[in-house]
Amino acid sequence: MEQKILFTKDECSQIMDYIYHFDISSNGNRVDNFSFGKKYNFWIIEKNSTTNWVFKRLFEWFTKSTNIEVLMNNVSKGLIHNYKIGDAFPKHIDRSAPYTDRLYNVGIQLNSMNEYDGGDYIVYTDNKNTELISKEVGNCYYYASDVLHEVSPITKGERWSFVHHLNNNIHIISEKTNKLI
């Protein structure tokens, strides 16, 4: 897992504002899976001439850090997640049925840690040790999609983040083989 501040607070506010300009529903989409315990809102943000700068900066950093090239022409969208009081996403692995093609989770923390309590983004390295994704606004991160992780319940305020899953055979090329992986 790697983390780095790549976006300013103003840039993160601009990214959050895209939900009002590019999504069909300004109310977003609600996930309330009570049996699994995941609850949050999300908006689909299409990659276009206005939003391209977000994807470009994020994936140039990913490529520089991993030596794995992201095929930007194949990246079409990302998600903005919003967690309100009581919302959470319990422990899970993103590379599981029906999403077995996911290789990396890549994201951006969009709002300040002072704007909410709870909402810890916990990554279970080696499935037992934990590492926290920084709550600092503009923090970017990536880790393998087969790593256990969770977002703890929000107890005050709201948490905002941008999320993208890099998939094999679509988004990335191996440096070693120069082929899609």
C-alpha atoms as a PDB file:
ATOM      1  CA  MET A   1       0.000   0.000   0.000  1.00  0.00           C
ATOM      2  CA  GLU A   2       1.226   3.488  -0.857  1.00  0.00           C
ATOM      3  CA  GLN A   3      -0.108   6.938   0.035  1.00  0.00           C
ATOM      4  CA  LYS A   4       0.751  10.477  -1.015  1.00  0.00           C
ATOM      5  CA  ILE A   5      -0.871  13.933  -0.967  1.00  0.00           C
ATOM      6  CA  LEU A   6      -1.503  14.781  -4.646  1.00  0.00           C
ATOM      7  CA  PHE A   7      -4.479  17.162  -4.562  1.00  0.00           C
ATOM      8  CA  THR A   8      -5.122  20.441  -2.751  1.00  0.00           C
ATOM      9  CA  LYS A   9      -8.206  21.127  -0.655  1.00  0.00           C
ATOM     10  CA  ASP A  10      -9.587  23.378  -3.426  1.00  0.00           C
ATOM     11  CA  GLU A  11      -9.015  20.663  -6.035  1.00  0.00           C
ATOM     12  CA  CYS A  12     -10.789  18.122  -3.837  1.00  0.00           C
ATOM     13  CA  SER A  13     -13.749  20.507  -3.468  1.00  0.00           C
ATOM     14  CA  GLN A  14     -13.821  20.818  -7.257  1.00  0.00           C
ATOM     15  CA  ILE A  15     -13.899  17.014  -7.599  1.00  0.00           C
ATOM     16  CA  MET A  16     -16.794  16.785  -5.114  1.00  0.00           C
ATOM     17  CA  ASP A  17     -18.670  19.465  -7.081  1.00  0.00           C
ATOM     18  CA  TYR A  18     -18.650  17.194 -10.153  1.00  0.00           C
ATOM     19  CA  ILE A  19     -21.559  15.269  -8.611  1.00  0.00           C
ATOM     20  CA  TYR A  20     -23.771  18.275  -9.380  1.00  0.00           C
ATOM     21  CA  HIS A  21     -22.640  18.583 -13.006  1.00  0.00           C
ATOM     22  CA  PHE A  22     -22.147  15.134 -14.480  1.00  0.00           C
ATOM     23  CA  ASP A  23     -24.425  12.629 -12.755  1.00  0.00           C
ATOM     24  CA  ILE A  24     -28.014  12.017 -13.825  1.00  0.00           C
ATOM     25  CA  SER A  25     -29.210  12.018 -10.224  1.00  0.00           C
ATOM     26  CA  SER A  26     -27.991  14.843  -7.994  1.00  0.00           C
ATOM     27  CA  ASN A  27     -29.118  12.750  -5.001  1.00  0.00           C
ATOM     28  CA  GLY A  28     -26.694   9.985  -5.895  1.00  0.00           C
ATOM     29  CA  ASN A  29     -27.300   6.296  -5.506  1.00  0.00           C
ATOM     30  CA  ARG A  30     -27.773   4.743  -2.089  1.00  0.00           C
ATOM     31  CA  VAL A  31     -26.335   1.397  -1.005  1.00  0.00           C
ATOM     32  CA  ASP A  32     -28.175  -0.028   2.009  1.00  0.00           C
ATOM     33  CA  ASN A  33     -27.171  -3.657   2.286  1.00  0.00           C
ATOM     34  CA  PHE A  34     -28.283  -4.353   5.839  1.00  0.00           C
ATOM     35  CA  SER A  35     -27.334  -8.037   5.794  1.00  0.00           C
ATOM     36  CA  PHE A  36     -23.739  -7.125   4.955  1.00  0.00           C
ATOM     37  CA  GLY A  37     -23.782  -3.819   6.837  1.00  0.00           C
ATOM     38  CA  LYS A  38     -22.584  -1.577   4.013  1.00  0.00           C
ATOM     39  CA  LYS A  39     -24.288   1.788   3.770  1.00  0.00           C
ATOM     40  CA  TYR A  40     -23.161   4.792   1.720  1.00  0.00           C
ATOM     41  CA  ASN A  41     -24.063   7.063  -1.203  1.00  0.00           C
ATOM     42  CA  PHE A  42     -22.192   7.076  -4.503  1.00  0.00           C
ATOM     43  CA  TRP A  43     -22.049   9.009  -7.747  1.00  0.00           C
ATOM     44  CA  ILE A  44     -20.524   7.897 -11.043  1.00  0.00           C
ATOM     45  CA  ILE A  45     -18.046  10.446 -12.402  1.00  0.00           C
ATOM     46  CA  GLU A  46     -17.330   9.971 -16.095  1.00  0.00           C
ATOM     47  CA  LYS A  47     -13.844  10.707 -17.417  1.00  0.00           C
ATOM     48  CA  ASN A  48     -14.262  13.554 -19.902  1.00  0.00           C
ATOM     49  CA  SER A  49     -12.473  16.747 -20.938  1.00  0.00           C
ATOM     50  CA  THR A  50     -13.455  18.417 -17.654  1.00  0.00           C
ATOM     51  CA  THR A  51     -12.554  15.565 -15.263  1.00  0.00           C
ATOM     52  CA  ASN A  52      -9.585  14.069 -17.143  1.00  0.00           C
ATOM     53  CA  TRP A  53      -7.053  15.996 -15.020  1.00  0.00           C
ATOM     54  CA  VAL A  54      -8.121  13.996 -11.921  1.00  0.00           C
ATOM     55  CA  PHE A  55      -7.623  10.609 -13.571  1.00  0.00           C
ATOM     56  CA  LYS A  56      -4.389  11.718 -15.272  1.00  0.00           C
ATOM     57  CA  ARG A  57      -2.716  12.912 -12.060  1.00  0.00           C
ATOM     58  CA  LEU A  58      -3.850   9.915 -10.026  1.00  0.00           C
ATOM     59  CA  PHE A  59      -2.781   7.293 -12.554  1.00  0.00           C
ATOM     60  CA  GLU A  60       0.499   8.988 -13.491  1.00  0.00           C
ATOM     61  CA  TRP A  61       1.421   8.715  -9.794  1.00  0.00           C
ATOM     62  CA  PHE A  62       0.290   5.066  -9.734  1.00  0.00           C
ATOM     63  CA  THR A  63       2.411   4.282 -12.815  1.00  0.00           C
ATOM     64  CA  LYS A  64       5.449   6.100 -11.424  1.00  0.00           C
ATOM     65  CA  SER A  65       5.115   4.289  -8.085  1.00  0.00           C
ATOM     66  CA  THR A  66       4.480   0.791  -9.448  1.00  0.00           C
ATOM     67  CA  ASN A  67       6.039   0.767 -12.943  1.00  0.00           C
ATOM     68  CA  ILE A  68       2.660  -0.521 -14.152  1.00  0.00           C
ATOM     69  CA  GLU A  69       1.191   1.495 -16.998  1.00  0.00           C
ATOM     70  CA  VAL A  70      -2.460   2.527 -16.816  1.00  0.00           C
ATOM     71  CA  LEU A  71      -4.170   2.559 -20.203  1.00  0.00           C
ATOM     72  CA  MET A  72      -5.887   5.932 -19.861  1.00  0.00           C
ATOM     73  CA  ASN A  73      -8.006   5.423 -22.991  1.00  0.00           C
ATOM     74  CA  ASN A  74      -9.679   2.475 -21.257  1.00  0.00           C
ATOM     75  CA  VAL A  75     -10.450   4.367 -18.037  1.00  0.00           C
ATOM     76  CA  SER A  76     -13.976   5.729 -18.397  1.00  0.00           C
ATOM     77  CA  LYS A  77     -15.240   6.537 -14.905  1.00  0.00           C
ATOM     78  CA  GLY A  78     -14.695   6.633 -11.180  1.00  0.00           C
ATOM     79  CA  LEU A  79     -16.954   6.785  -8.151  1.00  0.00           C
ATOM     80  CA  ILE A  80     -17.439   9.372  -5.464  1.00  0.00           C
ATOM     81  CA  HIS A  81     -18.431   7.776  -2.153  1.00  0.00           C
ATOM     82  CA  ASN A  82     -20.200   9.705   0.598  1.00  0.00           C
ATOM     83  CA  TYR A  83     -20.650   8.294   4.096  1.00  0.00           C
ATOM     84  CA  LYS A  84     -23.066   9.970   6.532  1.00  0.00           C
ATOM     85  CA  ILE A  85     -23.665   9.331  10.236  1.00  0.00           C
ATOM     86  CA  GLY A  86     -24.174   5.595  10.742  1.00  0.00           C
ATOM     87  CA  ASP A  87     -22.814   4.676   7.300  1.00  0.00           C
ATOM     88  CA  ALA A  88     -19.998   2.142   7.028  1.00  0.00           C
ATOM     89  CA  PHE A  89     -18.479  -0.511   4.771  1.00  0.00           C
ATOM     90  CA  PRO A  90     -17.569  -3.627   6.820  1.00  0.00           C
ATOM     91  CA  LYS A  91     -14.503  -5.800   6.183  1.00  0.00           C
ATOM     92  CA  HIS A  92     -14.403  -7.069   2.631  1.00  0.00           C
ATOM     93  CA  ILE A  93     -12.178  -7.866  -0.336  1.00  0.00           C
ATOM     94  CA  ASP A  94     -12.916  -6.115  -3.644  1.00  0.00           C
ATOM     95  CA  ARG A  95     -11.446  -8.865  -5.817  1.00  0.00           C
ATOM     96  CA  SER A  96     -14.213 -11.370  -5.301  1.00  0.00           C
ATOM     97  CA  ALA A  97     -17.201 -12.569  -7.312  1.00  0.00           C
ATOM     98  CA  PRO A  98     -18.484 -10.986  -9.442  1.00  0.00           C
ATOM     99  CA  TYR A  99     -15.471  -8.606  -9.557  1.00  0.00           C
ATOM    100  CA  THR A 100     -12.628 -11.099  -9.951  1.00  0.00           C
ATOM    101  CA  ASP A 101     -10.894  -8.888 -12.546  1.00  0.00           C
ATOM    102  CA  ARG A 102     -10.072  -6.120 -10.039  1.00  0.00           C
ATOM    103  CA  LEU A 103      -6.337  -5.785  -9.357  1.00  0.00           C
ATOM    104  CA  TYR A 104      -5.855  -2.448  -7.562  1.00  0.00           C
ATOM    105  CA  ASN A 105      -7.997  -0.052  -5.549  1.00  0.00           C
ATOM    106  CA  VAL A 106      -6.979   3.561  -6.115  1.00  0.00           C
ATOM    107  CA  GLY A 107      -8.531   6.549  -4.403  1.00  0.00           C
ATOM    108  CA  ILE A 108      -8.481  10.102  -3.066  1.00  0.00           C
ATOM    109  CA  GLN A 109      -9.562  11.424   0.338  1.00  0.00           C
ATOM    110  CA  LEU A 110     -11.713  14.416  -0.652  1.00  0.00           C
ATOM    111  CA  ASN A 111     -12.554  16.137   2.619  1.00  0.00           C
ATOM    112  CA  SER A 112     -10.741  17.041   5.806  1.00  0.00           C
ATOM    113  CA  MET A 113     -10.490  14.786   8.833  1.00  0.00           C
ATOM    114  CA  ASN A 114     -11.887  17.733  10.839  1.00  0.00           C
ATOM    115  CA  GLU A 115     -15.215  17.428   9.016  1.00  0.00           C
ATOM    116  CA  TYR A 116     -16.154  14.002  10.427  1.00  0.00           C
ATOM    117  CA  ASP A 117     -15.522  11.475  13.179  1.00  0.00           C
ATOM    118  CA  GLY A 118     -15.235   7.747  12.642  1.00  0.00           C
ATOM    119  CA  GLY A 119     -14.928   6.695   9.028  1.00  0.00           C
ATOM    120  CA  ASP A 120     -11.498   5.158   9.495  1.00  0.00           C
ATOM    121  CA  TYR A 121     -10.353   3.462   6.290  1.00  0.00           C
ATOM    122  CA  ILE A 122      -8.558   0.397   7.607  1.00  0.00           C
ATOM    123  CA  VAL A 123      -6.446  -1.861   5.387  1.00  0.00           C
ATOM    124  CA  TYR A 124      -5.474  -5.270   6.786  1.00  0.00           C
ATOM    125  CA  THR A 125      -1.996  -5.874   5.426  1.00  0.00           C
ATOM    126  CA  ASP A 126      -1.180  -9.593   5.445  1.00  0.00           C
ATOM    127  CA  ASN A 127      -4.834  -9.931   6.537  1.00  0.00           C
ATOM    128  CA  LYS A 128      -3.895  -9.366  10.206  1.00  0.00           C
ATOM    129  CA  ASN A 129      -1.793  -6.204  10.596  1.00  0.00           C
ATOM    130  CA  THR A 130      -3.594  -2.927   9.989  1.00  0.00           C
ATOM    131  CA  GLU A 131      -2.705   0.291   8.252  1.00  0.00           C
ATOM    132  CA  LEU A 132      -4.903   3.392   8.144  1.00  0.00           C
ATOM    133  CA  ILE A 133      -5.497   5.390   4.999  1.00  0.00           C
ATOM    134  CA  SER A 134      -4.692   8.975   5.954  1.00  0.00           C
ATOM    135  CA  LYS A 135      -7.703  11.244   6.472  1.00  0.00           C
ATOM    136  CA  GLU A 136      -5.722  14.244   5.222  1.00  0.00           C
ATOM    137  CA  VAL A 137      -7.541  16.004   2.410  1.00  0.00           C
ATOM    138  CA  GLY A 138      -5.943  15.265  -0.964  1.00  0.00           C
ATOM    139  CA  ASN A 139      -4.338  12.024   0.198  1.00  0.00           C
ATOM    140  CA  CYS A 140      -4.154   9.407  -2.558  1.00  0.00           C
ATOM    141  CA  TYR A 141      -3.656   5.716  -2.023  1.00  0.00           C
ATOM    142  CA  TYR A 142      -3.527   2.381  -3.797  1.00  0.00           C
ATOM    143  CA  TYR A 143      -3.369  -1.225  -2.688  1.00  0.00           C
ATOM    144  CA  ALA A 144      -4.120  -4.650  -4.154  1.00  0.00           C
ATOM    145  CA  SER A 145      -7.826  -5.440  -4.542  1.00  0.00           C
ATOM    146  CA  ASP A 146      -7.400  -8.805  -2.801  1.00  0.00           C
ATOM    147  CA  VAL A 147      -6.509  -7.113   0.517  1.00  0.00           C
ATOM    148  CA  LEU A 148      -9.079  -7.071   3.312  1.00  0.00           C
ATOM    149  CA  HIS A 149     -10.262  -3.547   4.207  1.00  0.00           C
ATOM    150  CA  GLU A 150     -13.155  -1.595   5.713  1.00  0.00           C
ATOM    151  CA  VAL A 151     -14.536   1.860   6.455  1.00  0.00           C
ATOM    152  CA  SER A 152     -15.660   2.147  10.095  1.00  0.00           C
ATOM    153  CA  PRO A 153     -19.011   3.796  10.946  1.00  0.00           C
ATOM    154  CA  ILE A 154     -19.300   7.577  10.705  1.00  0.00           C
ATOM    155  CA  THR A 155     -20.239   9.045  14.099  1.00  0.00           C
ATOM    156  CA  LYS A 156     -20.296  12.748  13.156  1.00  0.00           C
ATOM    157  CA  GLY A 157     -20.260  14.698   9.883  1.00  0.00           C
ATOM    158  CA  GLU A 158     -19.670  13.206   6.427  1.00  0.00           C
ATOM    159  CA  ARG A 159     -16.748  11.479   4.706  1.00  0.00           C
ATOM    160  CA  TRP A 160     -16.117  11.962   0.948  1.00  0.00           C
ATOM    161  CA  SER A 161     -13.754   9.978  -1.289  1.00  0.00           C
ATOM    162  CA  PHE A 162     -13.029   9.213  -4.947  1.00  0.00           C
ATOM    163  CA  VAL A 163     -12.579   5.522  -5.798  1.00  0.00           C
ATOM    164  CA  HIS A 164     -11.470   3.606  -8.877  1.00  0.00           C
ATOM    165  CA  HIS A 165     -10.751  -0.093  -9.421  1.00  0.00           C
ATOM    166  CA  LEU A 166      -8.049  -0.972 -11.942  1.00  0.00           C
ATOM    167  CA  ASN A 167      -9.006  -4.194 -13.715  1.00  0.00           C
ATOM    168  CA  ASN A 168      -6.871  -6.733 -15.525  1.00  0.00           C
ATOM    169  CA  ASN A 169      -7.232  -7.053 -19.292  1.00  0.00           C
ATOM    170  CA  ILE A 170      -8.688  -3.537 -19.455  1.00  0.00           C
ATOM    171  CA  HIS A 171      -6.708  -0.907 -17.582  1.00  0.00           C
ATOM    172  CA  ILE A 172      -3.109  -1.927 -16.977  1.00  0.00           C
ATOM    173  CA  ILE A 173      -0.012  -3.252 -18.725  1.00  0.00           C
ATOM    174  CA  SER A 174       2.730  -5.180 -16.964  1.00  0.00           C
ATOM    175  CA  GLU A 175       6.134  -3.527 -17.130  1.00  0.00           C
ATOM    176  CA  LYS A 176       7.825  -6.926 -17.364  1.00  0.00           C
ATOM    177  CA  THR A 177       5.828  -8.356 -20.256  1.00  0.00           C
ATOM    178  CA  ASN A 178       4.472  -5.167 -21.847  1.00  0.00           C
ATOM    179  CA  LYS A 179       1.123  -6.999 -22.132  1.00  0.00           C
ATOM    180  CA  LEU A 180      -2.270  -6.483 -20.581  1.00  0.00           C
ATOM    181  CA  ILE A 181      -2.557  -8.156 -17.201  1.00  0.00           C
END
